[in-house]
Amino acid sequence: MKYSAAAALAATFSLASAAGSIPTCGENNLCPSDTPCCSQYGQCGVGAYCLGGCNPRHSFDLQSCVAAPVCQSADYKLDNLDDVMPNTQYLGDASKANWVSSGTPVVYNNEAILLTMAPSTVGTLLMSTHYVWYGQISATMTTSQGAGVVTAFILMSDVQDEIDFEFVGVDLESAQSNFYFQGITDYQNGDNLTVSNTVENTHTYTIDWQPDSLSWAIDGNVMRTLNRNDTYNSTTQQYHYPQSPSRVQLSLWPAGLSSNGEGTIQWSGGLVDWNSPYMQNGYYYAMVSDVTVKCYDPPDGWSNNKGSKAYYYESSYGTNDTIAIGNNSTELASFYATGDNPKVDPNASSSAKASGTKTASAATQSASQAPETVPGVSGGGAAGISGTDSQGTAQGGSANSGSSDSGTNSAAGAQPSSQGGGSTSFSQGGGSSGTSQAPPKLGAGSAVALLGFFVACLLI
């Protein structure tokens, strides 16, 4: 049985929900006006909640979510953190960074970026700042290894369309391909693709996403093709085909936590062993060296061309005929701004706080009243949140508690802290402020297994 990274991550990473005071959102449950933005994890807030991953279908109104930077064809060499900005600093200006991170990405030997996952963390996630609305996207990478450890390379839209490559750490000869439409779970959508050892061997995984067809390829060999016409659902009278602008996401996350559902734990191969020989320097890790993006044109007959800078939605249906391209701003003035009020800056600064913490917003607002400004550690896919089944029936979700304190790197040991990623105390990316550490010491016979790590979510 295949699981959406989204639905599985939901249970794993509903960290902020543990606080109990954060408003939730989902089908028929929109965010309130004071915290209008629904994150991909089904929680309401301001600031970063209104940027990438903000779901316009479940937010206060269609304007609550900031418009998304359009596709940019490029070859991204991931050999440093100069082009990576923490989600506690990014305010929507895609000219300042091509990638946003949560957790602890680490530079490896000036050749690749490691996605790391230490004990008591939910791993690391890299998200593109530019969206893709149809295109060819490739990632050159190795995966992690071990029970309960899942590596992922996916496309995820703000309305929860999803296209996946997922790698379970106990099956190194398979890449799991999957797709979702608006978070609707359909266990018939997944298919295993045969590949040689994903830890020992570097492979290039390619998603070729067109308006009428979708293919998954490994090292240039097409392994699976899906036609849009084959996804028609007679119950909802819709094509359950990914069709909305999406971010590229690379992640490593612990599906095998005891707090997760039994099905998720079994799918991922069992509980994570935090004393595993597959860990190095105290963490699991996956390695990504290159991502290429080739943008395609919008669908034939599409007519909502009103500019060239940003994607936005004109209807809560969230289908490709409701998407427009305009010259809308993609930026916020502060972490207290929203798409409805993008220039709000009560402190005249860009300080942020992660989910589950409270930061004073201004003299006029007490800490207890301050809204959430940065979603808790994020990751993997996200079909679940408050998703629906394959018949379009709304499904509620429950949250599990967890810890999302920020991970930091020790200068001496070059090891991330065992306190997960997500808070403002963890500084990464942005050139010299980024974390760079020496190559991990790989013992004989263990190099194969040490390339794994995460992605985190608070879905459901």
Protein backbone atom coordinates (compact mmCIF):
# COMPACT_ATOMS: atom_id res chain seq x y z
CA MET A 1 0.00 0.00 0.00
CA LYS A 2 1.38 3.43 -0.95
CA TYR A 3 1.03 6.39 1.41
CA SER A 4 1.06 10.05 0.52
CA ALA A 5 3.98 11.83 2.08
CA ALA A 6 1.36 14.35 3.01
CA ALA A 7 -1.03 12.18 4.89
CA ALA A 8 1.72 10.29 6.65
CA LEU A 9 3.56 13.46 7.54
CA ALA A 10 0.41 14.93 8.90
CA ALA A 11 0.43 12.63 11.86
CA THR A 12 4.19 12.89 12.18
CA PHE A 13 4.43 16.63 12.18
CA SER A 14 1.38 18.14 13.73
CA LEU A 15 3.70 19.75 16.23
CA ALA A 16 2.12 23.15 16.42
CA SER A 17 -1.32 21.66 16.96
CA ALA A 18 -0.08 20.44 20.29
CA ALA A 19 -0.15 24.00 21.49
CA GLY A 20 -3.93 23.76 21.32
CA SER A 21 -4.51 27.44 20.61
CA ILE A 22 -3.64 27.56 16.91
CA PRO A 23 -6.75 27.74 14.72
CA THR A 24 -7.09 24.87 12.27
CA CYS A 25 -8.42 24.88 8.72
CA GLY A 26 -9.63 22.45 6.12
CA GLU A 27 -12.59 21.50 3.98
CA ASN A 28 -15.58 23.68 5.03
CA ASN A 29 -13.45 25.20 7.80
CA LEU A 30 -11.84 28.46 6.66
CA CYS A 31 -9.32 30.44 8.67
CA PRO A 32 -10.59 33.45 10.66
CA SER A 33 -9.85 36.99 9.50
CA ASP A 34 -7.18 37.68 12.15
CA THR A 35 -5.15 34.59 11.17
CA PRO A 36 -6.37 34.23 7.59
CA CYS A 37 -3.79 31.96 5.98
CA CYS A 38 -4.14 28.17 5.98
CA SER A 39 -0.76 26.43 5.86
CA GLN A 40 -0.21 23.13 4.08
CA TYR A 41 -0.39 21.55 7.53
CA GLY A 42 -3.95 22.70 8.18
CA GLN A 43 -3.26 25.52 10.64
CA CYS A 44 -3.97 29.24 10.47
CA GLY A 45 -1.55 32.11 10.86
CA VAL A 46 0.06 35.15 9.27
CA GLY A 47 3.46 35.89 7.74
CA ALA A 48 5.06 32.73 6.35
CA TYR A 49 1.69 31.00 6.63
CA CYS A 50 0.63 33.22 3.72
CA LEU A 51 3.61 32.34 1.50
CA GLY A 52 4.51 29.01 -0.12
CA GLY A 53 2.09 26.28 0.88
CA CYS A 54 -0.73 28.65 1.80
CA ASN A 55 -3.95 26.95 0.70
CA PRO A 56 -6.33 29.50 -0.88
CA ARG A 57 -9.23 27.03 -0.73
CA HIS A 58 -9.11 26.91 3.08
CA SER A 59 -7.87 30.44 3.87
CA PHE A 60 -10.11 33.37 4.86
CA ASP A 61 -10.38 34.52 1.25
CA LEU A 62 -8.58 34.07 -2.05
CA GLN A 63 -6.42 37.13 -1.40
CA SER A 64 -5.13 35.90 1.97
CA CYS A 65 -2.41 33.81 0.33
CA VAL A 66 0.30 35.82 -1.42
CA ALA A 67 0.70 35.19 -5.15
CA ALA A 68 3.40 32.67 -6.12
CA PRO A 69 6.53 33.45 -8.19
CA VAL A 70 6.23 31.99 -11.69
CA CYS A 71 8.31 29.16 -13.06
CA GLN A 72 11.99 29.77 -13.76
CA SER A 73 13.93 27.39 -16.00
CA ALA A 74 17.31 26.78 -14.37
CA ASP A 75 19.97 24.28 -13.37
CA TYR A 76 20.44 24.57 -9.60
CA LYS A 77 23.81 23.25 -8.40
CA LEU A 78 23.24 22.45 -4.75
CA ASP A 79 26.84 22.65 -3.57
CA ASN A 80 26.47 25.51 -1.08
CA LEU A 81 23.84 27.32 0.98
CA ASP A 82 24.23 30.74 -0.64
CA ASP A 83 20.96 30.23 -2.48
CA VAL A 84 19.08 28.79 0.51
CA MET A 85 17.17 30.92 3.03
CA PRO A 86 15.52 29.70 6.25
CA ASN A 87 11.73 29.91 6.36
CA THR A 88 12.20 32.16 9.40
CA GLN A 89 13.74 34.81 7.13
CA TYR A 90 12.07 34.43 3.74
CA LEU A 91 9.30 36.96 3.01
CA GLY A 92 8.48 36.14 -0.60
CA ASP A 93 11.21 37.85 -2.62
CA ALA A 94 12.35 35.02 -4.89
CA SER A 95 15.21 37.17 -6.21
CA LYS A 96 16.97 36.72 -2.86
CA ALA A 97 16.87 32.92 -2.74
CA ASN A 98 15.78 30.06 -4.95
CA TRP A 99 15.26 27.70 -2.02
CA VAL A 100 13.65 27.97 1.42
CA SER A 101 14.56 25.53 4.16
CA SER A 102 13.27 24.18 7.41
CA GLY A 103 15.38 21.90 9.54
CA THR A 104 19.14 21.62 9.06
CA PRO A 105 20.58 21.45 5.54
CA VAL A 106 24.35 20.96 5.54
CA VAL A 107 26.94 21.42 2.79
CA TYR A 108 28.90 18.26 1.99
CA ASN A 109 32.40 18.70 0.58
CA ASN A 110 31.25 21.60 -1.61
CA GLU A 111 29.56 18.99 -3.77
CA ALA A 112 26.05 18.55 -2.42
CA ILE A 113 23.58 19.48 0.29
CA LEU A 114 22.72 17.00 3.00
CA LEU A 115 19.20 16.86 4.34
CA THR A 116 19.79 15.87 7.94
CA MET A 117 17.62 14.20 10.57
CA ALA A 118 18.84 13.94 14.15
CA PRO A 119 17.02 12.41 17.13
CA SER A 120 14.04 14.43 18.38
CA THR A 121 13.75 16.22 15.04
CA VAL A 122 11.51 15.79 12.03
CA GLY A 123 14.26 16.19 9.49
CA THR A 124 14.96 18.75 6.80
CA LEU A 125 12.99 20.19 3.91
CA LEU A 126 14.08 22.26 0.91
CA MET A 127 11.33 24.09 -1.01
CA SER A 128 11.74 26.03 -4.24
CA THR A 129 10.71 29.68 -4.12
CA HIS A 130 9.67 29.60 -7.78
CA TYR A 131 6.66 27.46 -8.61
CA VAL A 132 6.28 25.17 -11.61
CA TRP A 133 3.06 25.03 -13.63
CA TYR A 134 3.90 22.12 -15.90
CA GLY A 135 7.49 21.34 -16.71
CA GLN A 136 10.30 18.83 -16.53
CA ILE A 137 11.96 18.63 -13.13
CA SER A 138 14.95 16.45 -12.28
CA ALA A 139 16.79 15.82 -9.01
CA THR A 140 20.16 14.10 -8.78
CA MET A 141 20.45 12.49 -5.36
CA THR A 142 21.08 9.57 -3.07
CA THR A 143 18.65 8.53 -0.37
CA SER A 144 18.78 7.51 3.25
CA GLN A 145 18.55 4.05 4.73
CA GLY A 146 16.92 2.49 7.76
CA ALA A 147 13.55 1.51 9.16
CA GLY A 148 11.09 4.39 9.41
CA VAL A 149 13.27 6.77 7.37
CA VAL A 150 11.73 8.24 4.20
CA THR A 151 13.41 10.40 1.55
CA ALA A 152 11.24 12.33 -0.91
CA PHE A 153 11.43 14.38 -4.11
CA ILE A 154 8.00 15.78 -4.88
CA LEU A 155 5.97 18.55 -6.45
CA MET A 156 3.38 20.00 -4.07
CA SER A 157 0.80 22.67 -4.94
CA ASP A 158 -0.93 25.05 -2.56
CA VAL A 159 -4.25 23.27 -3.17
CA GLN A 160 -2.57 19.92 -2.41
CA ASP A 161 -2.02 18.53 -5.88
CA GLU A 162 1.02 16.30 -5.54
CA ILE A 163 3.48 14.31 -7.68
CA ASP A 164 5.90 12.06 -5.83
CA PHE A 165 9.09 10.12 -5.86
CA GLU A 166 9.39 8.56 -2.39
CA PHE A 167 12.05 6.24 -1.01
CA VAL A 168 11.47 4.02 2.02
CA GLY A 169 14.70 3.27 3.86
CA VAL A 170 14.19 -0.51 4.02
CA ASP A 171 13.65 -0.91 0.27
CA LEU A 172 16.67 0.40 -1.60
CA GLU A 173 15.68 -1.16 -4.93
CA SER A 174 12.39 0.72 -5.37
CA ALA A 175 11.28 4.28 -6.00
CA GLN A 176 7.63 4.81 -5.14
CA SER A 177 5.80 6.97 -7.69
CA ASN A 178 2.51 8.55 -6.73
CA PHE A 179 0.13 11.42 -7.51
CA TYR A 180 -2.77 13.20 -5.79
CA PHE A 181 -5.44 15.71 -6.72
CA GLN A 182 -6.31 18.26 -4.04
CA GLY A 183 -5.32 15.96 -1.21
CA ILE A 184 -7.76 13.21 -2.18
CA THR A 185 -6.37 9.86 -1.10
CA ASP A 186 -6.54 7.08 -3.67
CA TYR A 187 -4.35 4.07 -2.91
CA GLN A 188 -4.55 2.98 -6.56
CA ASN A 189 -2.41 5.95 -7.63
CA GLY A 190 0.93 4.57 -6.48
CA ASP A 191 3.35 2.35 -8.37
CA ASN A 192 6.80 0.99 -7.45
CA LEU A 193 9.61 1.62 -9.93
CA THR A 194 12.69 -0.60 -9.97
CA VAL A 195 16.05 1.09 -9.41
CA SER A 196 19.51 -0.01 -8.31
CA ASN A 197 20.58 0.70 -4.74
CA THR A 198 19.40 4.25 -4.00
CA VAL A 199 21.94 4.77 -1.22
CA GLU A 200 25.08 3.47 -2.90
CA ASN A 201 24.24 4.85 -6.35
CA THR A 202 23.51 8.39 -7.40
CA HIS A 203 20.46 8.54 -9.67
CA THR A 204 18.66 11.32 -11.51
CA TYR A 205 14.90 11.20 -10.99
CA THR A 206 12.75 13.13 -13.46
CA ILE A 207 9.12 14.22 -13.38
CA ASP A 208 7.81 15.28 -16.80
CA TRP A 209 4.53 17.03 -16.07
CA GLN A 210 2.39 18.16 -18.99
CA PRO A 211 -1.26 19.28 -19.10
CA ASP A 212 -2.36 15.95 -20.58
CA SER A 213 0.26 13.47 -19.40
CA LEU A 214 2.70 12.81 -16.59
CA SER A 215 5.76 10.57 -16.55
CA TRP A 216 8.33 9.40 -14.03
CA ALA A 217 11.85 8.60 -15.31
CA ILE A 218 15.04 7.34 -13.68
CA ASP A 219 18.39 8.12 -15.30
CA GLY A 220 16.63 9.08 -18.51
CA ASN A 221 14.51 5.93 -18.74
CA VAL A 222 10.76 6.53 -18.56
CA MET A 223 9.40 4.08 -15.99
CA ARG A 224 5.76 5.14 -15.78
CA THR A 225 3.32 7.32 -17.75
CA LEU A 226 -0.07 8.62 -16.64
CA ASN A 227 -2.61 10.15 -19.02
CA ARG A 228 -4.95 12.82 -17.68
CA ASN A 229 -7.90 11.21 -19.47
CA ASP A 230 -7.46 8.11 -17.32
CA THR A 231 -7.98 10.07 -14.08
CA TYR A 232 -11.60 11.13 -14.58
CA ASN A 233 -13.69 10.59 -11.44
CA SER A 234 -17.38 10.12 -12.21
CA THR A 235 -18.41 10.84 -8.62
CA THR A 236 -16.82 14.28 -8.39
CA GLN A 237 -17.03 14.79 -12.19
CA GLN A 238 -13.44 16.02 -12.23
CA TYR A 239 -10.12 14.87 -13.55
CA HIS A 240 -8.17 13.85 -10.44
CA TYR A 241 -4.97 14.94 -12.11
CA PRO A 242 -2.32 17.29 -10.68
CA GLN A 243 -2.95 20.62 -12.45
CA SER A 244 -1.98 23.58 -10.25
CA PRO A 245 1.31 25.49 -9.75
CA SER A 246 3.60 23.53 -7.45
CA ARG A 247 6.80 23.92 -5.48
CA VAL A 248 9.69 21.49 -5.80
CA GLN A 249 10.29 19.88 -2.42
CA LEU A 250 13.19 17.69 -1.29
CA SER A 251 13.03 16.12 2.11
CA LEU A 252 13.91 13.44 4.63
CA TRP A 253 11.48 12.64 7.43
CA PRO A 254 10.81 10.06 10.18
CA ALA A 255 7.68 8.17 9.21
CA GLY A 256 8.52 5.52 11.79
CA LEU A 257 7.64 7.39 14.97
CA SER A 258 5.60 5.65 17.66
CA SER A 259 3.13 8.56 17.60
CA ASN A 260 2.26 7.84 13.97
CA GLY A 261 -0.47 5.52 12.76
CA GLU A 262 0.34 1.82 12.57
CA GLY A 263 -0.20 1.84 8.80
CA THR A 264 2.38 4.60 8.32
CA ILE A 265 4.89 2.82 10.55
CA GLN A 266 4.47 -0.46 8.69
CA TRP A 267 4.73 1.26 5.30
CA SER A 268 8.01 2.88 6.33
CA GLY A 269 9.52 -0.40 7.57
CA GLY A 270 9.10 0.04 11.30
CA LEU A 271 10.18 2.41 14.04
CA VAL A 272 13.21 4.67 13.53
CA ASP A 273 16.34 3.47 15.32
CA TRP A 274 18.00 6.59 16.71
CA ASN A 275 21.14 4.60 17.51
CA SER A 276 21.40 3.13 14.03
CA PRO A 277 24.75 2.40 12.35
CA TYR A 278 23.22 4.13 9.33
CA MET A 279 23.52 7.46 11.17
CA GLN A 280 26.66 9.56 10.90
CA ASN A 281 27.72 12.41 13.20
CA GLY A 282 24.50 11.80 15.09
CA TYR A 283 22.04 12.05 12.21
CA TYR A 284 20.55 10.34 9.18
CA TYR A 285 21.06 12.17 5.92
CA ALA A 286 20.16 12.22 2.22
CA MET A 287 22.30 13.94 -0.39
CA VAL A 288 21.11 16.17 -3.25
CA SER A 289 23.59 17.66 -5.71
CA ASP A 290 21.53 19.09 -8.55
CA VAL A 291 17.99 20.10 -9.49
CA THR A 292 17.01 21.16 -13.00
CA VAL A 293 13.75 22.82 -14.01
CA LYS A 294 12.48 23.27 -17.56
CA CYS A 295 9.24 25.27 -17.63
CA TYR A 296 6.40 24.37 -20.00
CA ASP A 297 3.63 26.58 -21.35
CA PRO A 298 0.16 26.76 -19.72
CA PRO A 299 -2.55 24.45 -21.10
CA ASP A 300 -3.98 25.04 -24.57
CA GLY A 301 -6.98 27.32 -24.41
CA TRP A 302 -5.95 28.90 -21.12
CA SER A 303 -6.78 32.61 -21.25
CA ASN A 304 -6.10 34.11 -17.81
CA ASN A 305 -2.86 35.79 -18.84
CA LYS A 306 -2.81 39.16 -17.09
CA GLY A 307 0.89 39.57 -16.46
CA SER A 308 4.12 37.63 -16.12
CA LYS A 309 5.30 37.58 -12.50
CA ALA A 310 3.03 35.50 -10.31
CA TYR A 311 0.43 32.72 -10.19
CA TYR A 312 -2.80 33.25 -8.29
CA TYR A 313 -6.28 31.73 -8.06
CA GLU A 314 -9.50 33.33 -9.23
CA SER A 315 -11.76 30.66 -7.72
CA SER A 316 -11.71 28.30 -4.76
CA TYR A 317 -12.18 25.37 -7.16
CA GLY A 318 -8.40 25.38 -7.53
CA THR A 319 -8.41 23.72 -10.96
CA ASN A 320 -6.19 24.79 -13.86
CA ASP A 321 -8.91 26.92 -15.47
CA THR A 322 -9.10 29.05 -12.29
CA ILE A 323 -5.39 29.92 -12.30
CA ALA A 324 -4.22 33.31 -13.55
CA ILE A 325 -0.81 34.85 -14.15
CA GLY A 326 -0.45 38.50 -13.20
CA ASN A 327 1.98 41.09 -11.95
CA ASN A 328 0.88 40.67 -8.34
CA SER A 329 3.42 41.19 -5.58
CA THR A 330 4.77 37.99 -4.03
CA GLU A 331 6.25 39.72 -0.98
CA LEU A 332 5.24 40.63 2.56
CA ALA A 333 6.56 43.58 4.59
CA SER A 334 6.90 41.51 7.75
CA PHE A 335 5.98 38.25 9.40
CA TYR A 336 2.76 39.89 10.62
CA ALA A 337 1.58 40.78 7.13
CA THR A 338 -0.83 38.74 5.00
CA GLY A 339 -1.98 38.72 1.41
CA ASP A 340 -4.95 40.81 2.52
CA ASN A 341 -2.65 43.30 4.30
CA PRO A 342 0.82 42.81 2.80
CA LYS A 343 2.37 46.01 4.15
CA VAL A 344 1.71 45.37 7.86
CA ASP A 345 4.96 45.76 9.79
CA PRO A 346 4.21 46.53 13.46
CA ASN A 347 7.85 46.26 14.50
CA ALA A 348 9.44 47.66 11.35
CA SER A 349 11.52 44.47 11.35
CA SER A 350 11.32 40.97 9.93
CA SER A 351 11.60 38.90 13.08
CA ALA A 352 9.64 35.67 13.04
CA LYS A 353 8.60 32.91 15.35
CA ALA A 354 8.05 29.25 14.71
CA SER A 355 4.86 27.38 15.44
CA GLY A 356 4.32 26.64 19.09
CA THR A 357 6.22 29.71 20.30
CA LYS A 358 5.05 33.21 21.07
CA THR A 359 6.77 36.40 20.04
CA ALA A 360 5.62 39.89 21.00
CA SER A 361 4.37 41.53 17.82
CA ALA A 362 4.19 45.14 18.95
CA ALA A 363 3.51 47.30 21.96
CA THR A 364 -0.17 47.05 21.16
CA GLN A 365 -0.22 43.25 21.05
CA SER A 366 0.67 40.97 23.94
CA ALA A 367 2.57 37.73 23.49
CA SER A 368 -0.51 35.72 24.29
CA GLN A 369 -2.36 37.44 21.45
CA ALA A 370 0.39 37.18 18.84
CA PRO A 371 -0.60 35.02 15.86
CA GLU A 372 1.57 32.23 14.53
CA THR A 373 3.96 33.51 11.88
CA VAL A 374 6.00 30.51 10.65
CA PRO A 375 4.48 27.05 10.22
CA GLY A 376 6.25 24.40 12.28
CA VAL A 377 8.86 22.22 10.65
CA SER A 378 7.58 21.20 7.25
CA GLY A 379 8.36 18.54 4.72
CA GLY A 380 7.54 15.70 2.37
CA GLY A 381 4.33 15.55 0.47
CA ALA A 382 1.09 16.85 1.76
CA ALA A 383 -1.96 15.26 0.31
CA GLY A 384 -3.52 14.73 3.69
CA ILE A 385 -4.02 17.80 5.89
CA SER A 386 -7.77 17.69 6.22
CA GLY A 387 -8.05 15.72 3.05
CA THR A 388 -10.76 13.81 1.26
CA ASP A 389 -11.09 10.27 0.05
CA SER A 390 -11.21 9.21 -3.60
CA GLN A 391 -14.95 9.91 -3.71
CA GLY A 392 -14.44 13.53 -2.65
CA THR A 393 -15.74 12.99 0.89
CA ALA A 394 -14.19 15.30 3.47
CA GLN A 395 -12.07 13.61 6.11
CA GLY A 396 -11.01 15.18 9.37
CA GLY A 397 -7.59 14.74 10.91
CA SER A 398 -6.12 14.51 14.36
CA ALA A 399 -2.87 15.97 15.54
CA ASN A 400 -0.08 14.34 17.45
CA SER A 401 2.20 16.21 19.77
CA GLY A 402 5.89 16.69 19.19
CA SER A 403 8.82 19.00 19.59
CA SER A 404 9.97 21.52 16.99
CA ASP A 405 12.81 23.39 18.63
CA SER A 406 15.47 24.49 16.23
CA GLY A 407 18.49 22.43 15.38
CA THR A 408 21.89 24.10 15.47
CA ASN A 409 25.29 22.98 14.29
CA SER A 410 28.16 22.50 16.65
CA ALA A 411 31.30 24.14 15.33
CA ALA A 412 33.44 21.54 17.02
CA GLY A 413 31.61 18.38 16.05
CA ALA A 414 29.73 19.80 13.07
CA GLN A 415 26.65 18.02 14.33
CA PRO A 416 23.10 19.30 14.40
CA SER A 417 21.49 19.61 17.78
CA SER A 418 18.95 16.99 18.79
CA GLN A 419 16.36 19.74 19.04
CA GLY A 420 14.50 19.65 15.67
CA GLY A 421 14.35 22.41 13.10
CA GLY A 422 11.99 25.32 12.91
CA SER A 423 12.62 28.03 15.45
CA THR A 424 14.33 31.33 14.93
CA SER A 425 17.43 30.28 16.86
CA PHE A 426 18.61 28.17 13.94
CA SER A 427 20.43 30.24 11.34
CA GLN A 428 21.08 28.81 7.90
CA GLY A 429 21.33 29.85 4.29
CA GLY A 430 21.85 33.37 2.99
CA GLY A 431 25.51 33.08 2.11
CA SER A 432 27.89 33.40 5.03
CA SER A 433 25.14 32.76 7.54
CA GLY A 434 24.57 29.33 6.05
CA THR A 435 25.84 26.20 7.73
CA SER A 436 28.78 24.44 6.14
CA GLN A 437 30.41 21.46 7.71
CA ALA A 438 33.17 19.03 6.93
CA PRO A 439 32.32 15.88 5.02
CA PRO A 440 30.96 13.22 7.35
CA LYS A 441 33.36 10.42 8.22
CA LEU A 442 32.04 7.34 6.48
CA GLY A 443 33.22 4.06 7.95
CA ALA A 444 33.95 1.11 5.71
CA GLY A 445 30.77 -0.69 4.78
CA SER A 446 28.54 2.05 6.14
CA ALA A 447 28.78 4.70 3.44
CA VAL A 448 26.00 2.96 1.63
CA ALA A 449 23.62 3.54 4.42
CA LEU A 450 24.42 6.96 5.67
CA LEU A 451 22.74 9.16 3.11
CA GLY A 452 19.37 9.67 4.64
CA PHE A 453 17.22 12.10 6.29
CA PHE A 454 13.84 13.87 6.23
CA VAL A 455 10.95 16.08 5.62
CA ALA A 456 8.47 17.27 8.08
CA CYS A 457 4.85 18.12 8.17
CA LEU A 458 2.07 18.92 10.48
CA LEU A 459 -0.68 17.74 8.19
CA ILE A 460 -4.12 16.63 9.04
